Amino acid sequence: TIDVELGRAADLGAFQSNVPRVRDAAITTIADLTAEQLAGSAGMSKLKAELMHRIGAVLPGASVTAVYLSDFVVQ
């Protein structure tokens, strides 16, 4: 589970109307990584940065300021 922090309240509408695209971007980003790449705090930091980048690409003009991992399980 991820939580996305937006820089402006005005970005919320764009985010809400693009939830399926945001979800797809997140899932495909995570699916491309191995368990070894996700290991440790360095792996989590890289994942968050990549998610911010990809979600930002889905929401052009919106300000994505942070991505938080609230639940995470590697199988």
C-alpha atoms as a PDB file:
ATOM      1  CA  THR A   1       0.000   0.000   0.000  1.00  0.00           C
ATOM      2  CA  ILE A   2       1.298   3.437  -0.849  1.00  0.00           C
ATOM      3  CA  ASP A   3       0.211   6.924   0.138  1.00  0.00           C
ATOM      4  CA  VAL A   4       0.929   9.871  -2.135  1.00  0.00           C
ATOM      5  CA  GLU A   5       1.515  13.364  -0.776  1.00  0.00           C
ATOM      6  CA  LEU A   6       0.607  16.217  -3.093  1.00  0.00           C
ATOM      7  CA  GLY A   7       2.118  19.676  -2.870  1.00  0.00           C
ATOM      8  CA  ARG A   8      -1.083  21.594  -3.588  1.00  0.00           C
ATOM      9  CA  ALA A   9      -4.697  21.003  -2.640  1.00  0.00           C
ATOM     10  CA  ALA A  10      -5.597  21.856  -6.242  1.00  0.00           C
ATOM     11  CA  ASP A  11      -3.783  18.676  -7.398  1.00  0.00           C
ATOM     12  CA  LEU A  12      -6.208  16.423  -5.542  1.00  0.00           C
ATOM     13  CA  GLY A  13      -8.824  16.469  -8.317  1.00  0.00           C
ATOM     14  CA  ALA A  14      -6.268  15.450 -10.945  1.00  0.00           C
ATOM     15  CA  PHE A  15      -5.040  12.686  -8.664  1.00  0.00           C
ATOM     16  CA  GLN A  16      -8.535  11.361  -7.926  1.00  0.00           C
ATOM     17  CA  SER A  17      -9.535  11.311 -11.587  1.00  0.00           C
ATOM     18  CA  ASN A  18      -6.365   9.374 -12.480  1.00  0.00           C
ATOM     19  CA  VAL A  19      -6.304   6.770  -9.691  1.00  0.00           C
ATOM     20  CA  PRO A  20      -6.364   3.816 -12.147  1.00  0.00           C
ATOM     21  CA  ARG A  21      -3.344   5.266 -14.016  1.00  0.00           C
ATOM     22  CA  VAL A  22      -1.525   5.969 -10.744  1.00  0.00           C
ATOM     23  CA  ARG A  23      -2.239   2.432  -9.496  1.00  0.00           C
ATOM     24  CA  ASP A  24      -1.007   0.958 -12.795  1.00  0.00           C
ATOM     25  CA  ALA A  25       2.196   3.042 -12.637  1.00  0.00           C
ATOM     26  CA  ALA A  26       2.838   1.869  -9.081  1.00  0.00           C
ATOM     27  CA  ILE A  27       2.191  -1.800  -9.833  1.00  0.00           C
ATOM     28  CA  THR A  28       4.324  -1.886 -12.966  1.00  0.00           C
ATOM     29  CA  THR A  29       7.152  -0.091 -11.156  1.00  0.00           C
ATOM     30  CA  ILE A  30       7.144  -2.603  -8.316  1.00  0.00           C
ATOM     31  CA  ALA A  31       6.722  -5.590 -10.664  1.00  0.00           C
ATOM     32  CA  ASP A  32       9.959  -4.660 -12.444  1.00  0.00           C
ATOM     33  CA  LEU A  33      12.008  -5.052  -9.251  1.00  0.00           C
ATOM     34  CA  THR A  34      13.449  -8.128  -7.570  1.00  0.00           C
ATOM     35  CA  ALA A  35      13.347  -8.886  -3.849  1.00  0.00           C
ATOM     36  CA  GLU A  36      17.067  -8.103  -3.674  1.00  0.00           C
ATOM     37  CA  GLN A  37      16.508  -4.653  -5.197  1.00  0.00           C
ATOM     38  CA  LEU A  38      13.869  -3.921  -2.561  1.00  0.00           C
ATOM     39  CA  ALA A  39      15.972  -5.081   0.390  1.00  0.00           C
ATOM     40  CA  GLY A  40      16.876  -2.620   3.109  1.00  0.00           C
ATOM     41  CA  SER A  41      16.279   1.073   3.514  1.00  0.00           C
ATOM     42  CA  ALA A  42      18.325   1.900   0.404  1.00  0.00           C
ATOM     43  CA  GLY A  43      16.047  -0.281  -1.724  1.00  0.00           C
ATOM     44  CA  MET A  44      12.961   1.321  -0.219  1.00  0.00           C
ATOM     45  CA  SER A  45      14.337   4.816  -0.834  1.00  0.00           C
ATOM     46  CA  LYS A  46      15.025   3.988  -4.479  1.00  0.00           C
ATOM     47  CA  LEU A  47      11.524   2.565  -4.850  1.00  0.00           C
ATOM     48  CA  LYS A  48       9.946   5.700  -3.372  1.00  0.00           C
ATOM     49  CA  ALA A  49      11.968   7.941  -5.682  1.00  0.00           C
ATOM     50  CA  GLU A  50      10.992   5.886  -8.731  1.00  0.00           C
ATOM     51  CA  LEU A  51       7.333   5.889  -7.688  1.00  0.00           C
ATOM     52  CA  MET A  52       7.410   9.680  -7.278  1.00  0.00           C
ATOM     53  CA  HIS A  53       8.886   9.989 -10.762  1.00  0.00           C
ATOM     54  CA  ARG A  54       6.383   7.660 -12.427  1.00  0.00           C
ATOM     55  CA  ILE A  55       3.354   9.038 -10.601  1.00  0.00           C
ATOM     56  CA  GLY A  56       4.497  12.548 -11.479  1.00  0.00           C
ATOM     57  CA  ALA A  57       4.610  11.483 -15.133  1.00  0.00           C
ATOM     58  CA  VAL A  58       1.002  10.291 -14.896  1.00  0.00           C
ATOM     59  CA  LEU A  59      -0.039  13.615 -13.333  1.00  0.00           C
ATOM     60  CA  PRO A  60       1.713  16.282 -15.407  1.00  0.00           C
ATOM     61  CA  GLY A  61       1.579  19.663 -13.730  1.00  0.00           C
ATOM     62  CA  ALA A  62       0.749  18.150 -10.346  1.00  0.00           C
ATOM     63  CA  SER A  63       3.210  18.392  -7.495  1.00  0.00           C
ATOM     64  CA  VAL A  64       3.961  14.953  -6.009  1.00  0.00           C
ATOM     65  CA  THR A  65       6.059  15.742  -2.934  1.00  0.00           C
ATOM     66  CA  ALA A  66       6.368  12.314  -1.293  1.00  0.00           C
ATOM     67  CA  VAL A  67       5.409   8.672  -1.511  1.00  0.00           C
ATOM     68  CA  TYR A  68       4.991   6.659   1.670  1.00  0.00           C
ATOM     69  CA  LEU A  69       4.940   2.870   1.946  1.00  0.00           C
ATOM     70  CA  SER A  70       2.295   2.041   4.536  1.00  0.00           C
ATOM     71  CA  ASP A  71       2.167  -1.740   3.918  1.00  0.00           C
ATOM     72  CA  PHE A  72       4.780  -3.768   2.099  1.00  0.00           C
ATOM     73  CA  VAL A  73       5.145  -7.530   1.631  1.00  0.00           C
ATOM     74  CA  VAL A  74       7.717  -9.255  -0.588  1.00  0.00           C
ATOM     75  CA  GLN A  75       6.718 -12.730  -1.738  1.00  0.00           C
END
